[in-house]
Amino acid sequence: MTIATNREHLDNGSPSGSRVRGLAREVIDGAGTTTQLTVAQSGALCMLATAAGQIYTLPIIGTDDVGMYFDFCTTITGTGTYSIDTGQAADKIGGGLLMASTGANEADFLPATIASTVSIDLDSVTTGENLGSWFRLTAVASATWYCGGMAVGAGTMADPFA
């Protein structure tokens, strides 16, 4: 895979690499109920912090956008639905989440069906809407997102992928 030539590169030619001082990333609080993410926000931490629920929509993956990513975390236990949706029906989500239950002391890995998954819905305690869930979505190819991380819930964990 090649890096797009229209992106800025940081490199001093040293075999030991380079570093960036003072680097901080954007934190999106998701205030309100719906947030449309943009390619320019790649690397942002997206908070799931409104108990009644929130919807984040991922940007459409362009040919130069492979490698962009977004992190999501629950900062409170939700009572509504936290939903992360692809930007178009052709974009799919693969990978999966480790689902951890606080009450049943059990964990399970639930995979995303890449042929059909277009949304992650944390809509109950069994699908991971509890405080402490964290996962990353990375654009790994045109029209393909990869999900990895952990969702925290209670009881027997259920599939959050739709």
N, C-alpha and C. Protein backbone atom coordinates (compact mmCIF):
# COMPACT_ATOMS: atom_id res chain seq x y z
N MET A 1 0.85 -1.17 0.00
CA MET A 1 0.00 0.00 0.00
C MET A 1 0.90 1.24 0.00
N THR A 2 0.55 2.21 -0.77
CA THR A 2 1.32 3.44 -0.82
C THR A 2 0.61 4.54 -0.05
N ILE A 3 1.38 5.48 0.43
CA ILE A 3 0.83 6.64 1.13
C ILE A 3 0.51 7.70 0.09
N ALA A 4 -0.65 8.29 0.21
CA ALA A 4 -1.08 9.30 -0.75
C ALA A 4 -0.06 10.44 -0.82
N THR A 5 0.25 10.87 -2.02
CA THR A 5 1.25 11.92 -2.20
C THR A 5 0.75 13.29 -1.81
N ASN A 6 -0.55 13.47 -1.70
CA ASN A 6 -1.07 14.78 -1.34
C ASN A 6 -1.17 14.98 0.17
N ARG A 7 -0.69 14.02 0.96
CA ARG A 7 -0.67 14.14 2.41
C ARG A 7 0.71 14.64 2.85
N GLU A 8 0.76 15.41 3.92
CA GLU A 8 2.03 15.88 4.44
C GLU A 8 2.74 14.74 5.17
N HIS A 9 4.04 14.59 4.96
CA HIS A 9 4.82 13.54 5.60
C HIS A 9 5.84 14.17 6.54
N LEU A 10 6.01 13.57 7.70
CA LEU A 10 7.03 14.01 8.64
C LEU A 10 8.14 12.99 8.62
N ASP A 11 9.34 13.40 8.24
CA ASP A 11 10.46 12.47 8.17
C ASP A 11 11.75 13.27 8.07
N ASN A 12 12.73 12.87 8.86
CA ASN A 12 14.00 13.56 8.76
C ASN A 12 15.07 12.67 8.10
N GLY A 13 14.65 11.51 7.61
CA GLY A 13 15.58 10.62 6.92
C GLY A 13 16.43 9.78 7.85
N SER A 14 16.25 9.90 9.13
CA SER A 14 17.03 9.15 10.11
C SER A 14 16.55 7.70 10.17
N PRO A 15 17.45 6.73 10.29
CA PRO A 15 17.02 5.34 10.40
C PRO A 15 16.25 5.07 11.69
N SER A 16 16.39 5.95 12.68
CA SER A 16 15.66 5.75 13.94
C SER A 16 14.30 6.43 13.91
N GLY A 17 13.91 7.04 12.81
CA GLY A 17 12.59 7.63 12.66
C GLY A 17 12.55 9.09 13.07
N SER A 18 11.36 9.58 13.34
CA SER A 18 11.18 10.96 13.75
C SER A 18 10.07 11.01 14.79
N ARG A 19 9.92 12.14 15.45
CA ARG A 19 8.85 12.29 16.42
C ARG A 19 8.24 13.68 16.31
N VAL A 20 7.04 13.79 16.82
CA VAL A 20 6.33 15.05 16.80
C VAL A 20 6.08 15.43 18.26
N ARG A 21 6.54 16.59 18.65
CA ARG A 21 6.34 17.05 20.02
C ARG A 21 4.98 17.73 20.14
N GLY A 22 4.37 17.55 21.30
CA GLY A 22 3.13 18.25 21.59
C GLY A 22 1.92 17.79 20.80
N LEU A 23 1.98 16.59 20.28
CA LEU A 23 0.88 16.08 19.47
C LEU A 23 -0.33 15.77 20.36
N ALA A 24 -1.46 16.27 20.01
CA ALA A 24 -2.71 15.98 20.70
C ALA A 24 -3.77 15.72 19.65
N ARG A 25 -4.73 14.93 20.00
CA ARG A 25 -5.77 14.64 19.02
C ARG A 25 -7.09 15.29 19.40
N GLU A 26 -7.94 15.38 18.42
CA GLU A 26 -9.25 15.98 18.62
C GLU A 26 -10.14 15.04 19.45
N VAL A 27 -10.88 15.62 20.37
CA VAL A 27 -11.88 14.88 21.14
C VAL A 27 -13.24 15.44 20.75
N ILE A 28 -14.11 14.56 20.29
CA ILE A 28 -15.45 14.97 19.86
C ILE A 28 -16.42 14.49 20.94
N ASP A 29 -17.09 15.43 21.58
CA ASP A 29 -17.97 15.06 22.68
C ASP A 29 -19.30 14.52 22.21
N GLY A 30 -19.64 14.68 20.95
CA GLY A 30 -20.88 14.15 20.42
C GLY A 30 -22.11 14.80 21.02
N ALA A 31 -21.94 15.99 21.59
CA ALA A 31 -23.09 16.68 22.17
C ALA A 31 -24.19 16.78 21.12
N GLY A 32 -25.38 16.58 21.54
CA GLY A 32 -26.47 16.47 20.58
C GLY A 32 -26.67 15.00 20.27
N THR A 33 -27.43 14.71 19.28
CA THR A 33 -27.73 13.31 19.02
C THR A 33 -27.08 12.75 17.76
N THR A 34 -26.70 13.60 16.81
CA THR A 34 -26.15 13.11 15.54
C THR A 34 -24.88 13.87 15.19
N THR A 35 -23.82 13.12 14.85
CA THR A 35 -22.55 13.73 14.46
C THR A 35 -22.06 13.07 13.18
N GLN A 36 -21.83 13.88 12.14
CA GLN A 36 -21.26 13.41 10.88
C GLN A 36 -19.75 13.62 10.97
N LEU A 37 -18.98 12.53 10.99
CA LEU A 37 -17.52 12.64 11.04
C LEU A 37 -16.98 12.95 9.65
N THR A 38 -15.82 13.60 9.61
CA THR A 38 -15.17 13.94 8.34
C THR A 38 -13.79 13.30 8.27
N VAL A 39 -13.27 13.17 7.08
CA VAL A 39 -11.93 12.63 6.88
C VAL A 39 -10.90 13.45 7.65
N ALA A 40 -11.08 14.77 7.70
CA ALA A 40 -10.15 15.65 8.40
C ALA A 40 -10.11 15.37 9.90
N GLN A 41 -11.11 14.70 10.44
CA GLN A 41 -11.15 14.38 11.87
C GLN A 41 -10.52 13.03 12.19
N SER A 42 -9.91 12.38 11.21
CA SER A 42 -9.27 11.09 11.44
C SER A 42 -8.35 11.17 12.65
N GLY A 43 -8.40 10.13 13.48
CA GLY A 43 -7.60 10.08 14.70
C GLY A 43 -8.32 10.60 15.92
N ALA A 44 -9.52 11.13 15.74
CA ALA A 44 -10.27 11.72 16.85
C ALA A 44 -10.80 10.65 17.80
N LEU A 45 -10.95 11.05 19.06
CA LEU A 45 -11.61 10.24 20.06
C LEU A 45 -13.05 10.72 20.14
N CYS A 46 -13.99 9.83 19.84
CA CYS A 46 -15.41 10.17 19.81
C CYS A 46 -16.07 9.64 21.07
N MET A 47 -16.59 10.55 21.87
CA MET A 47 -17.18 10.19 23.15
C MET A 47 -18.64 9.78 22.97
N LEU A 48 -19.01 8.70 23.61
CA LEU A 48 -20.40 8.28 23.71
C LEU A 48 -20.80 8.66 25.13
N ALA A 49 -21.37 9.86 25.27
CA ALA A 49 -21.51 10.46 26.59
C ALA A 49 -22.90 11.04 26.86
N THR A 50 -23.85 10.77 26.00
CA THR A 50 -25.22 11.24 26.21
C THR A 50 -26.06 10.01 26.51
N ALA A 51 -26.55 9.90 27.73
CA ALA A 51 -27.26 8.69 28.15
C ALA A 51 -28.41 8.31 27.22
N ALA A 52 -29.12 9.29 26.70
CA ALA A 52 -30.27 9.02 25.84
C ALA A 52 -29.87 8.45 24.48
N GLY A 53 -28.58 8.49 24.14
CA GLY A 53 -28.10 7.91 22.89
C GLY A 53 -27.49 8.92 21.94
N GLN A 54 -26.68 8.44 21.03
CA GLN A 54 -26.00 9.26 20.04
C GLN A 54 -25.82 8.45 18.77
N ILE A 55 -25.72 9.16 17.65
CA ILE A 55 -25.43 8.53 16.36
C ILE A 55 -24.22 9.22 15.76
N TYR A 56 -23.20 8.43 15.43
CA TYR A 56 -22.05 8.92 14.68
C TYR A 56 -22.11 8.29 13.30
N THR A 57 -21.88 9.09 12.26
CA THR A 57 -21.81 8.56 10.90
C THR A 57 -20.39 8.72 10.41
N LEU A 58 -19.79 7.61 9.97
CA LEU A 58 -18.42 7.61 9.47
C LEU A 58 -18.36 8.26 8.10
N PRO A 59 -17.21 8.86 7.75
CA PRO A 59 -17.09 9.42 6.39
C PRO A 59 -17.00 8.30 5.35
N ILE A 60 -17.37 8.62 4.13
CA ILE A 60 -17.20 7.69 3.02
C ILE A 60 -15.70 7.57 2.76
N ILE A 61 -15.24 6.35 2.52
CA ILE A 61 -13.80 6.10 2.33
C ILE A 61 -13.42 6.39 0.89
N GLY A 62 -12.63 7.45 0.67
CA GLY A 62 -12.10 7.75 -0.65
C GLY A 62 -10.81 6.98 -0.89
N THR A 63 -10.31 7.00 -2.11
CA THR A 63 -9.11 6.23 -2.44
C THR A 63 -7.88 6.69 -1.64
N ASP A 64 -7.82 7.96 -1.26
CA ASP A 64 -6.69 8.45 -0.47
C ASP A 64 -6.94 8.39 1.03
N ASP A 65 -8.06 7.82 1.45
CA ASP A 65 -8.45 7.85 2.86
C ASP A 65 -8.19 6.56 3.62
N VAL A 66 -7.66 5.54 2.95
CA VAL A 66 -7.33 4.30 3.63
C VAL A 66 -6.31 4.61 4.72
N GLY A 67 -6.55 4.11 5.92
CA GLY A 67 -5.69 4.37 7.07
C GLY A 67 -6.30 5.34 8.06
N MET A 68 -7.34 6.09 7.66
CA MET A 68 -7.98 6.98 8.64
C MET A 68 -8.64 6.10 9.70
N TYR A 69 -8.76 6.65 10.91
CA TYR A 69 -9.37 5.87 11.99
C TYR A 69 -10.06 6.78 12.99
N PHE A 70 -10.97 6.19 13.75
CA PHE A 70 -11.70 6.88 14.81
C PHE A 70 -11.81 5.95 16.00
N ASP A 71 -11.57 6.49 17.19
CA ASP A 71 -11.76 5.75 18.42
C ASP A 71 -13.07 6.18 19.06
N PHE A 72 -13.75 5.23 19.70
CA PHE A 72 -15.02 5.49 20.37
C PHE A 72 -14.93 4.96 21.79
N CYS A 73 -15.49 5.70 22.75
CA CYS A 73 -15.53 5.20 24.12
C CYS A 73 -16.79 5.68 24.82
N THR A 74 -17.31 4.82 25.70
CA THR A 74 -18.47 5.19 26.51
C THR A 74 -17.96 5.79 27.81
N THR A 75 -18.43 6.98 28.13
CA THR A 75 -18.01 7.63 29.37
C THR A 75 -19.08 7.56 30.44
N ILE A 76 -20.27 7.11 30.08
CA ILE A 76 -21.35 6.83 31.02
C ILE A 76 -22.11 5.62 30.48
N THR A 77 -22.90 5.00 31.32
CA THR A 77 -23.74 3.91 30.86
C THR A 77 -24.98 4.49 30.18
N GLY A 78 -25.19 4.11 28.94
CA GLY A 78 -26.30 4.65 28.18
C GLY A 78 -27.63 4.02 28.56
N THR A 79 -28.70 4.74 28.23
CA THR A 79 -30.05 4.21 28.39
C THR A 79 -30.77 4.15 27.05
N GLY A 80 -30.22 4.83 26.06
CA GLY A 80 -30.76 4.81 24.70
C GLY A 80 -29.87 3.97 23.81
N THR A 81 -29.69 4.39 22.57
CA THR A 81 -28.85 3.66 21.61
C THR A 81 -27.66 4.50 21.19
N TYR A 82 -26.46 3.93 21.31
CA TYR A 82 -25.26 4.50 20.71
C TYR A 82 -25.09 3.77 19.39
N SER A 83 -25.07 4.51 18.28
CA SER A 83 -24.97 3.89 16.96
C SER A 83 -23.83 4.52 16.18
N ILE A 84 -22.99 3.69 15.58
CA ILE A 84 -21.93 4.15 14.68
C ILE A 84 -22.25 3.53 13.33
N ASP A 85 -22.54 4.38 12.34
CA ASP A 85 -23.00 3.92 11.04
C ASP A 85 -21.98 4.26 9.95
N THR A 86 -21.91 3.41 8.92
CA THR A 86 -21.06 3.72 7.78
C THR A 86 -21.70 4.86 6.99
N GLY A 87 -20.88 5.56 6.20
CA GLY A 87 -21.35 6.72 5.45
C GLY A 87 -22.20 6.39 4.25
N GLN A 88 -22.16 5.13 3.80
CA GLN A 88 -22.98 4.70 2.67
C GLN A 88 -23.18 3.19 2.78
N ALA A 89 -24.23 2.69 2.17
CA ALA A 89 -24.57 1.26 2.28
C ALA A 89 -23.48 0.36 1.71
N ALA A 90 -22.68 0.86 0.76
CA ALA A 90 -21.62 0.05 0.17
C ALA A 90 -20.44 -0.15 1.13
N ASP A 91 -20.27 0.73 2.11
CA ASP A 91 -19.19 0.59 3.09
C ASP A 91 -19.61 -0.43 4.15
N LYS A 92 -18.73 -1.37 4.45
CA LYS A 92 -19.02 -2.45 5.40
C LYS A 92 -18.01 -2.43 6.54
N ILE A 93 -18.37 -3.10 7.63
CA ILE A 93 -17.52 -3.20 8.82
C ILE A 93 -17.16 -4.66 9.04
N GLY A 94 -15.85 -4.92 9.19
CA GLY A 94 -15.36 -6.24 9.54
C GLY A 94 -14.68 -6.19 10.89
N GLY A 95 -14.03 -7.27 11.28
CA GLY A 95 -13.37 -7.34 12.58
C GLY A 95 -14.34 -7.86 13.62
N GLY A 96 -14.30 -7.28 14.81
CA GLY A 96 -15.19 -7.73 15.87
C GLY A 96 -14.85 -7.08 17.18
N LEU A 97 -15.60 -7.43 18.21
CA LEU A 97 -15.40 -6.87 19.55
C LEU A 97 -15.34 -7.97 20.58
N LEU A 98 -14.47 -7.79 21.57
CA LEU A 98 -14.47 -8.63 22.76
C LEU A 98 -15.58 -8.07 23.63
N MET A 99 -16.53 -8.90 23.96
CA MET A 99 -17.67 -8.47 24.76
C MET A 99 -17.48 -8.97 26.18
N ALA A 100 -17.40 -8.05 27.14
CA ALA A 100 -17.16 -8.41 28.54
C ALA A 100 -18.39 -8.09 29.37
N SER A 101 -18.81 -9.05 30.20
CA SER A 101 -19.97 -8.87 31.06
C SER A 101 -19.52 -8.64 32.49
N THR A 102 -20.02 -7.58 33.10
CA THR A 102 -19.65 -7.28 34.48
C THR A 102 -20.40 -8.16 35.47
N GLY A 103 -21.62 -8.53 35.14
CA GLY A 103 -22.43 -9.31 36.08
C GLY A 103 -22.19 -10.80 36.00
N ALA A 104 -22.04 -11.33 34.82
CA ALA A 104 -21.92 -12.77 34.64
C ALA A 104 -20.47 -13.25 34.67
N ASN A 105 -19.52 -12.31 34.80
CA ASN A 105 -18.10 -12.65 34.81
C ASN A 105 -17.73 -13.54 33.62
N GLU A 106 -18.14 -13.13 32.46
CA GLU A 106 -17.83 -13.88 31.25
C GLU A 106 -17.45 -12.92 30.14
N ALA A 107 -16.78 -13.45 29.14
CA ALA A 107 -16.40 -12.66 27.97
C ALA A 107 -16.59 -13.52 26.73
N ASP A 108 -16.81 -12.87 25.62
CA ASP A 108 -16.99 -13.58 24.35
C ASP A 108 -16.52 -12.65 23.24
N PHE A 109 -16.05 -13.22 22.15
CA PHE A 109 -15.69 -12.43 20.97
C PHE A 109 -16.81 -12.56 19.96
N LEU A 110 -17.33 -11.42 19.52
CA LEU A 110 -18.38 -11.42 18.51
C LEU A 110 -17.86 -10.75 17.24
N PRO A 111 -17.81 -11.49 16.13
CA PRO A 111 -17.29 -10.92 14.88
C PRO A 111 -18.36 -10.13 14.12
N ALA A 112 -17.89 -9.16 13.36
CA ALA A 112 -18.76 -8.43 12.43
C ALA A 112 -18.78 -9.19 11.11
N THR A 113 -19.95 -9.40 10.56
CA THR A 113 -20.08 -10.07 9.26
C THR A 113 -19.80 -9.04 8.18
N ILE A 114 -18.61 -9.09 7.59
CA ILE A 114 -18.16 -8.04 6.69
C ILE A 114 -19.06 -7.88 5.46
N ALA A 115 -19.75 -8.93 5.06
CA ALA A 115 -20.61 -8.84 3.88
C ALA A 115 -21.86 -8.00 4.12
N SER A 116 -22.25 -7.82 5.40
CA SER A 116 -23.52 -7.15 5.63
C SER A 116 -23.51 -6.09 6.74
N THR A 117 -22.45 -5.99 7.54
CA THR A 117 -22.46 -5.08 8.69
C THR A 117 -22.23 -3.64 8.25
N VAL A 118 -23.17 -2.77 8.57
CA VAL A 118 -23.07 -1.35 8.25
C VAL A 118 -23.22 -0.47 9.48
N SER A 119 -23.38 -1.11 10.66
CA SER A 119 -23.63 -0.34 11.87
C SER A 119 -23.18 -1.11 13.10
N ILE A 120 -22.74 -0.37 14.10
CA ILE A 120 -22.50 -0.92 15.44
C ILE A 120 -23.53 -0.25 16.34
N ASP A 121 -24.39 -1.04 16.96
CA ASP A 121 -25.46 -0.51 17.79
C ASP A 121 -25.31 -1.00 19.22
N LEU A 122 -24.89 -0.10 20.09
CA LEU A 122 -24.83 -0.40 21.51
C LEU A 122 -26.16 0.12 22.07
N ASP A 123 -27.15 -0.77 22.11
CA ASP A 123 -28.50 -0.31 22.45
C ASP A 123 -29.08 -0.95 23.70
N SER A 124 -28.27 -1.67 24.44
CA SER A 124 -28.70 -2.27 25.70
C SER A 124 -27.47 -2.67 26.48
N VAL A 125 -27.67 -3.08 27.74
CA VAL A 125 -26.51 -3.51 28.52
C VAL A 125 -25.90 -4.78 27.96
N THR A 126 -26.66 -5.58 27.19
CA THR A 126 -26.10 -6.80 26.63
C THR A 126 -25.32 -6.57 25.34
N THR A 127 -25.43 -5.38 24.75
CA THR A 127 -24.65 -5.09 23.53
C THR A 127 -23.52 -4.11 23.78
N GLY A 128 -23.27 -3.74 25.03
CA GLY A 128 -22.07 -2.98 25.33
C GLY A 128 -22.21 -1.50 25.57
N GLU A 129 -23.38 -1.03 25.98
CA GLU A 129 -23.55 0.41 26.20
C GLU A 129 -23.07 0.87 27.59
N ASN A 130 -22.47 -0.03 28.36
CA ASN A 130 -22.00 0.33 29.69
C ASN A 130 -20.73 1.17 29.65
N LEU A 131 -20.48 1.89 30.73
CA LEU A 131 -19.26 2.66 30.92
C LEU A 131 -18.04 1.77 30.72
N GLY A 132 -17.08 2.25 29.94
CA GLY A 132 -15.82 1.53 29.75
C GLY A 132 -15.64 0.85 28.41
N SER A 133 -16.67 0.85 27.56
CA SER A 133 -16.50 0.27 26.23
C SER A 133 -15.55 1.14 25.42
N TRP A 134 -14.70 0.52 24.61
CA TRP A 134 -13.73 1.25 23.79
C TRP A 134 -13.45 0.43 22.55
N PHE A 135 -13.47 1.08 21.39
CA PHE A 135 -13.11 0.39 20.15
C PHE A 135 -12.64 1.39 19.10
N ARG A 136 -11.95 0.87 18.10
CA ARG A 136 -11.42 1.67 17.00
C ARG A 136 -11.97 1.15 15.68
N LEU A 137 -12.32 2.08 14.81
CA LEU A 137 -12.70 1.75 13.44
C LEU A 137 -11.65 2.35 12.52
N THR A 138 -11.03 1.50 11.69
CA THR A 138 -9.97 1.91 10.77
C THR A 138 -10.38 1.58 9.34
N ALA A 139 -10.21 2.53 8.44
CA ALA A 139 -10.46 2.29 7.01
C ALA A 139 -9.29 1.47 6.47
N VAL A 140 -9.54 0.20 6.14
CA VAL A 140 -8.47 -0.68 5.68
C VAL A 140 -8.46 -0.88 4.17
N ALA A 141 -9.52 -0.49 3.52
CA ALA A 141 -9.63 -0.58 2.05
C ALA A 141 -10.79 0.29 1.63
N SER A 142 -10.88 0.54 0.34
CA SER A 142 -12.03 1.28 -0.16
C SER A 142 -13.28 0.51 0.23
N ALA A 143 -14.20 1.16 0.91
CA ALA A 143 -15.48 0.60 1.35
C ALA A 143 -15.36 -0.43 2.47
N THR A 144 -14.23 -0.48 3.20
CA THR A 144 -14.09 -1.46 4.27
C THR A 144 -13.50 -0.84 5.53
N TRP A 145 -14.24 -0.93 6.63
CA TRP A 145 -13.80 -0.52 7.95
C TRP A 145 -13.46 -1.77 8.75
N TYR A 146 -12.43 -1.67 9.60
CA TYR A 146 -12.07 -2.77 10.51
C TYR A 146 -12.33 -2.30 11.93
N CYS A 147 -13.04 -3.10 12.71
CA CYS A 147 -13.38 -2.78 14.09
C CYS A 147 -12.60 -3.68 15.03
N GLY A 148 -12.05 -3.11 16.09
CA GLY A 148 -11.41 -3.89 17.13
C GLY A 148 -11.52 -3.15 18.45
N GLY A 149 -11.71 -3.88 19.53
CA GLY A 149 -11.80 -3.27 20.84
C GLY A 149 -12.63 -4.11 21.78
N MET A 150 -13.18 -3.45 22.80
CA MET A 150 -13.93 -4.16 23.82
C MET A 150 -15.21 -3.40 24.16
N ALA A 151 -16.28 -4.14 24.34
CA ALA A 151 -17.54 -3.55 24.78
C ALA A 151 -17.90 -4.15 26.13
N VAL A 152 -18.37 -3.30 27.04
CA VAL A 152 -18.69 -3.72 28.39
C VAL A 152 -20.20 -3.69 28.58
N GLY A 153 -20.72 -4.75 29.16
CA GLY A 153 -22.15 -4.83 29.41
C GLY A 153 -22.44 -5.66 30.64
N ALA A 154 -23.64 -6.20 30.71
CA ALA A 154 -24.06 -7.05 31.82
C ALA A 154 -24.91 -8.17 31.26
N GLY A 155 -24.89 -9.32 31.93
CA GLY A 155 -25.66 -10.47 31.48
C GLY A 155 -24.97 -11.17 30.32
N THR A 156 -25.74 -11.93 29.56
CA THR A 156 -25.20 -12.63 28.40
C THR A 156 -25.09 -11.64 27.26
N MET A 157 -23.87 -11.44 26.79
CA MET A 157 -23.63 -10.42 25.77
C MET A 157 -24.23 -10.82 24.43
N ALA A 158 -24.72 -9.79 23.71
CA ALA A 158 -25.38 -10.01 22.42
C ALA A 158 -24.62 -9.27 21.31
N ASP A 159 -24.88 -9.66 20.09
CA ASP A 159 -24.23 -9.12 18.91
C ASP A 159 -24.62 -7.63 18.68
N PRO A 160 -23.62 -6.71 18.68
CA PRO A 160 -23.94 -5.30 18.45
C PRO A 160 -23.89 -4.90 16.98
N PHE A 161 -23.58 -5.85 16.09
CA PHE A 161 -23.39 -5.51 14.69
C PHE A 161 -24.68 -5.68 13.89
N ALA A 162 -24.99 -4.66 13.07
CA ALA A 162 -26.20 -4.72 12.26
C ALA A 162 -25.88 -4.37 10.82
